Amino acid sequence: MSNKAEGDGKEPVNEQAIANIYGNMRSEINQLHSKITELEMEVSEHSLVIGAVQPLDPSRRCYRMIGGVLVERTIKEVLPAVQRNKEGLEEVISRLNEALEKKKKEIAEFEAKYKIRIRKSDGEVKDDGGRKEGSAQGVLVGPAGAKNE
């Protein structure tokens, strides 16, 4: 969608079209950052659950929310499922990070092609090349090293 003008083999016709495409690209990057952060929080919650139930007796009862319904199971049944879910989330995060890097390269090429510069609020013009990583305002990202171990 954001590359509609480029995808058709046509160049954007004016500055407004270029600005719209660029804005959409930045929005996609921010959405990827948000989704990655959300999934990292879920992985953290899964880790807390695994850490809490792992030392307990496998025959002990526990409760798990499945599709909005609270079901009673044993730790022996629930622990492998929670671990699989955590691994699946980590895989999705990995794919989203790859997509994010691809999108960052795409936006960097777009910036270079159209000589896009970001104007700060104080009137100073700054090349955006160095601030793409921290451009997602209001998004907190936890330490990445802890998830890769």
C-alpha atoms as a PDB file:
ATOM      1  CA  MET A   1       0.000   0.000   0.000  1.00  0.00           C
ATOM      2  CA  SER A   2       2.706   2.506   0.909  1.00  0.00           C
ATOM      3  CA  ASN A   3       4.683   1.626  -2.194  1.00  0.00           C
ATOM      4  CA  LYS A   4       1.703   1.892  -4.519  1.00  0.00           C
ATOM      5  CA  ALA A   5       3.280   4.546  -6.699  1.00  0.00           C
ATOM      6  CA  GLU A   6       6.601   2.718  -6.825  1.00  0.00           C
ATOM      7  CA  GLY A   7       5.031  -0.716  -7.248  1.00  0.00           C
ATOM      8  CA  ASP A   8       3.266   0.357 -10.450  1.00  0.00           C
ATOM      9  CA  GLY A   9       6.591   1.332 -11.997  1.00  0.00           C
ATOM     10  CA  LYS A  10       5.580   5.001 -11.845  1.00  0.00           C
ATOM     11  CA  GLU A  11       7.450   7.645  -9.940  1.00  0.00           C
ATOM     12  CA  PRO A  12       5.476   9.773  -7.472  1.00  0.00           C
ATOM     13  CA  VAL A  13       4.192  12.800  -9.343  1.00  0.00           C
ATOM     14  CA  ASN A  14       4.843  15.538  -6.795  1.00  0.00           C
ATOM     15  CA  GLU A  15       6.250  16.366  -3.386  1.00  0.00           C
ATOM     16  CA  GLN A  16       2.939  15.646  -1.677  1.00  0.00           C
ATOM     17  CA  ALA A  17       2.839  12.103  -3.079  1.00  0.00           C
ATOM     18  CA  ILE A  18       6.432  11.538  -1.956  1.00  0.00           C
ATOM     19  CA  ALA A  19       5.603  12.897   1.510  1.00  0.00           C
ATOM     20  CA  ASN A  20       2.551  10.610   1.754  1.00  0.00           C
ATOM     21  CA  ILE A  21       4.552   7.533   0.768  1.00  0.00           C
ATOM     22  CA  TYR A  22       7.298   8.486   3.221  1.00  0.00           C
ATOM     23  CA  GLY A  23       4.767   9.052   6.009  1.00  0.00           C
ATOM     24  CA  ASN A  24       3.213   5.652   5.349  1.00  0.00           C
ATOM     25  CA  MET A  25       6.630   4.005   5.451  1.00  0.00           C
ATOM     26  CA  ARG A  26       7.443   5.648   8.783  1.00  0.00           C
ATOM     27  CA  SER A  27       4.041   4.613  10.111  1.00  0.00           C
ATOM     28  CA  GLU A  28       4.739   0.993   9.128  1.00  0.00           C
ATOM     29  CA  ILE A  29       8.066   1.114  10.965  1.00  0.00           C
ATOM     30  CA  ASN A  30       6.361   2.473  14.076  1.00  0.00           C
ATOM     31  CA  GLN A  31       3.722  -0.274  13.863  1.00  0.00           C
ATOM     32  CA  LEU A  32       6.441  -2.921  13.613  1.00  0.00           C
ATOM     33  CA  HIS A  33       8.203  -1.423  16.662  1.00  0.00           C
ATOM     34  CA  SER A  34       4.930  -1.504  18.612  1.00  0.00           C
ATOM     35  CA  LYS A  35       4.122  -5.091  17.680  1.00  0.00           C
ATOM     36  CA  ILE A  36       7.640  -6.276  18.527  1.00  0.00           C
ATOM     37  CA  THR A  37       7.436  -4.561  21.905  1.00  0.00           C
ATOM     38  CA  GLU A  38       4.026  -6.083  22.611  1.00  0.00           C
ATOM     39  CA  LEU A  39       5.245  -9.578  21.734  1.00  0.00           C
ATOM     40  CA  GLU A  40       8.421  -9.142  23.795  1.00  0.00           C
ATOM     41  CA  MET A  41       6.212  -8.338  26.793  1.00  0.00           C
ATOM     42  CA  GLU A  42       4.226 -11.530  26.164  1.00  0.00           C
ATOM     43  CA  VAL A  43       7.455 -13.547  25.992  1.00  0.00           C
ATOM     44  CA  SER A  44       8.462 -11.991  29.302  1.00  0.00           C
ATOM     45  CA  GLU A  45       5.126 -13.031  30.841  1.00  0.00           C
ATOM     46  CA  HIS A  46       5.555 -16.562  29.498  1.00  0.00           C
ATOM     47  CA  SER A  47       9.031 -16.682  31.055  1.00  0.00           C
ATOM     48  CA  LEU A  48       7.604 -15.605  34.413  1.00  0.00           C
ATOM     49  CA  VAL A  49       4.942 -18.335  34.250  1.00  0.00           C
ATOM     50  CA  ILE A  50       7.486 -20.982  33.256  1.00  0.00           C
ATOM     51  CA  GLY A  51       9.796 -19.908  36.076  1.00  0.00           C
ATOM     52  CA  ALA A  52       6.947 -20.027  38.588  1.00  0.00           C
ATOM     53  CA  VAL A  53       5.548 -23.461  37.707  1.00  0.00           C
ATOM     54  CA  GLN A  54       8.675 -25.368  36.675  1.00  0.00           C
ATOM     55  CA  PRO A  55       9.877 -26.181  40.226  1.00  0.00           C
ATOM     56  CA  LEU A  56       6.410 -27.358  41.288  1.00  0.00           C
ATOM     57  CA  ASP A  57       5.089 -30.927  41.354  1.00  0.00           C
ATOM     58  CA  PRO A  58       4.037 -31.915  37.788  1.00  0.00           C
ATOM     59  CA  SER A  59       0.816 -33.498  39.055  1.00  0.00           C
ATOM     60  CA  ARG A  60      -0.276 -30.277  40.763  1.00  0.00           C
ATOM     61  CA  ARG A  61      -3.380 -28.573  39.417  1.00  0.00           C
ATOM     62  CA  CYS A  62      -3.114 -25.298  37.583  1.00  0.00           C
ATOM     63  CA  TYR A  63      -5.443 -23.142  35.532  1.00  0.00           C
ATOM     64  CA  ARG A  64      -4.910 -21.859  32.035  1.00  0.00           C
ATOM     65  CA  MET A  65      -6.882 -19.374  29.983  1.00  0.00           C
ATOM     66  CA  ILE A  66      -7.673 -20.823  26.557  1.00  0.00           C
ATOM     67  CA  GLY A  67      -9.753 -18.694  24.220  1.00  0.00           C
ATOM     68  CA  GLY A  68     -11.312 -16.737  27.063  1.00  0.00           C
ATOM     69  CA  VAL A  69     -12.189 -19.880  29.030  1.00  0.00           C
ATOM     70  CA  LEU A  70     -10.362 -20.836  32.218  1.00  0.00           C
ATOM     71  CA  VAL A  71      -9.579 -24.565  32.154  1.00  0.00           C
ATOM     72  CA  GLU A  72      -8.143 -26.802  34.843  1.00  0.00           C
ATOM     73  CA  ARG A  73      -5.087 -28.865  33.898  1.00  0.00           C
ATOM     74  CA  THR A  74      -1.958 -30.223  35.525  1.00  0.00           C
ATOM     75  CA  ILE A  75       1.427 -28.553  35.355  1.00  0.00           C
ATOM     76  CA  LYS A  76       2.659 -31.561  33.376  1.00  0.00           C
ATOM     77  CA  GLU A  77       0.099 -30.742  30.631  1.00  0.00           C
ATOM     78  CA  VAL A  78       0.410 -26.960  30.700  1.00  0.00           C
ATOM     79  CA  LEU A  79       4.183 -26.408  30.941  1.00  0.00           C
ATOM     80  CA  PRO A  80       5.060 -27.842  27.486  1.00  0.00           C
ATOM     81  CA  ALA A  81       2.270 -25.797  25.868  1.00  0.00           C
ATOM     82  CA  VAL A  82       3.461 -22.577  27.502  1.00  0.00           C
ATOM     83  CA  GLN A  83       7.038 -23.318  26.420  1.00  0.00           C
ATOM     84  CA  ARG A  84       5.894 -23.964  22.828  1.00  0.00           C
ATOM     85  CA  ASN A  85       3.914 -20.725  22.843  1.00  0.00           C
ATOM     86  CA  LYS A  86       6.970 -18.841  24.084  1.00  0.00           C
ATOM     87  CA  GLU A  87       9.141 -20.353  21.353  1.00  0.00           C
ATOM     88  CA  GLY A  88       6.513 -19.465  18.756  1.00  0.00           C
ATOM     89  CA  LEU A  89       6.398 -15.880  19.988  1.00  0.00           C
ATOM     90  CA  GLU A  90      10.191 -15.642  19.819  1.00  0.00           C
ATOM     91  CA  GLU A  91      10.098 -16.904  16.237  1.00  0.00           C
ATOM     92  CA  VAL A  92       7.478 -14.305  15.296  1.00  0.00           C
ATOM     93  CA  ILE A  93       9.580 -11.587  16.960  1.00  0.00           C
ATOM     94  CA  SER A  94      12.571 -12.724  14.934  1.00  0.00           C
ATOM     95  CA  ARG A  95      10.578 -12.483  11.679  1.00  0.00           C
ATOM     96  CA  LEU A  96       9.229  -9.077  12.636  1.00  0.00           C
ATOM     97  CA  ASN A  97      12.763  -7.870  13.369  1.00  0.00           C
ATOM     98  CA  GLU A  98      13.826  -9.051   9.900  1.00  0.00           C
ATOM     99  CA  ALA A  99      10.863  -7.208   8.379  1.00  0.00           C
ATOM    100  CA  LEU A 100      11.775  -4.114  10.391  1.00  0.00           C
ATOM    101  CA  GLU A 101      15.373  -4.167   9.141  1.00  0.00           C
ATOM    102  CA  LYS A 102      14.132  -4.598   5.569  1.00  0.00           C
ATOM    103  CA  LYS A 103      11.733  -1.676   6.005  1.00  0.00           C
ATOM    104  CA  LYS A 104      14.518   0.492   7.502  1.00  0.00           C
ATOM    105  CA  LYS A 105      16.711  -0.203   4.465  1.00  0.00           C
ATOM    106  CA  GLU A 106      13.789   0.580   2.176  1.00  0.00           C
ATOM    107  CA  ILE A 107      13.111   3.897   3.897  1.00  0.00           C
ATOM    108  CA  ALA A 108      16.826   4.773   3.880  1.00  0.00           C
ATOM    109  CA  GLU A 109      16.934   4.178   0.114  1.00  0.00           C
ATOM    110  CA  PHE A 110      13.773   6.257  -0.291  1.00  0.00           C
ATOM    111  CA  GLU A 111      15.325   9.076   1.774  1.00  0.00           C
ATOM    112  CA  ALA A 112      18.502   8.984  -0.299  1.00  0.00           C
ATOM    113  CA  LYS A 113      16.607   8.861  -3.615  1.00  0.00           C
ATOM    114  CA  TYR A 114      14.394  11.846  -2.820  1.00  0.00           C
ATOM    115  CA  LYS A 115      16.873  13.661  -0.546  1.00  0.00           C
ATOM    116  CA  ILE A 116      14.410  13.645   2.343  1.00  0.00           C
ATOM    117  CA  ARG A 117      15.455  15.588   5.412  1.00  0.00           C
ATOM    118  CA  ILE A 118      13.546  15.965   8.663  1.00  0.00           C
ATOM    119  CA  ARG A 119      12.993  19.481   9.966  1.00  0.00           C
ATOM    120  CA  LYS A 120      13.132  19.718  13.748  1.00  0.00           C
ATOM    121  CA  SER A 121      10.725  21.933  15.683  1.00  0.00           C
ATOM    122  CA  ASP A 122      13.401  24.576  16.335  1.00  0.00           C
ATOM    123  CA  GLY A 123      13.848  25.091  12.594  1.00  0.00           C
ATOM    124  CA  GLU A 124      17.082  23.129  12.377  1.00  0.00           C
ATOM    125  CA  VAL A 125      17.235  20.709   9.454  1.00  0.00           C
ATOM    126  CA  LYS A 126      18.694  17.328  10.316  1.00  0.00           C
ATOM    127  CA  ASP A 127      19.298  14.335   8.096  1.00  0.00           C
ATOM    128  CA  ASP A 128      17.100  11.529   9.399  1.00  0.00           C
ATOM    129  CA  GLY A 129      19.646   8.821   8.663  1.00  0.00           C
ATOM    130  CA  GLY A 130      20.908   8.672  12.241  1.00  0.00           C
ATOM    131  CA  ARG A 131      17.649   8.792  14.143  1.00  0.00           C
ATOM    132  CA  LYS A 132      15.452   6.129  12.555  1.00  0.00           C
ATOM    133  CA  GLU A 133      16.128   3.658  15.374  1.00  0.00           C
ATOM    134  CA  GLY A 134      14.783   5.972  18.081  1.00  0.00           C
ATOM    135  CA  SER A 135      12.012   7.571  16.070  1.00  0.00           C
ATOM    136  CA  ALA A 136       9.220   5.536  17.684  1.00  0.00           C
ATOM    137  CA  GLN A 137       8.247   8.016  20.362  1.00  0.00           C
ATOM    138  CA  GLY A 138       6.622   6.598  23.467  1.00  0.00           C
ATOM    139  CA  VAL A 139       7.771   3.019  22.801  1.00  0.00           C
ATOM    140  CA  LEU A 140       9.903   1.350  25.434  1.00  0.00           C
ATOM    141  CA  VAL A 141      11.955  -1.626  24.326  1.00  0.00           C
ATOM    142  CA  GLY A 142      13.452  -4.012  26.873  1.00  0.00           C
ATOM    143  CA  PRO A 143      16.972  -5.359  26.674  1.00  0.00           C
ATOM    144  CA  ALA A 144      17.278  -7.462  23.536  1.00  0.00           C
ATOM    145  CA  GLY A 145      20.115  -9.615  24.907  1.00  0.00           C
ATOM    146  CA  ALA A 146      17.891 -11.336  27.468  1.00  0.00           C
ATOM    147  CA  LYS A 147      15.608 -12.918  24.837  1.00  0.00           C
ATOM    148  CA  ASN A 148      18.349 -14.429  22.693  1.00  0.00           C
ATOM    149  CA  GLU A 149      19.871 -16.628  25.346  1.00  0.00           C
END
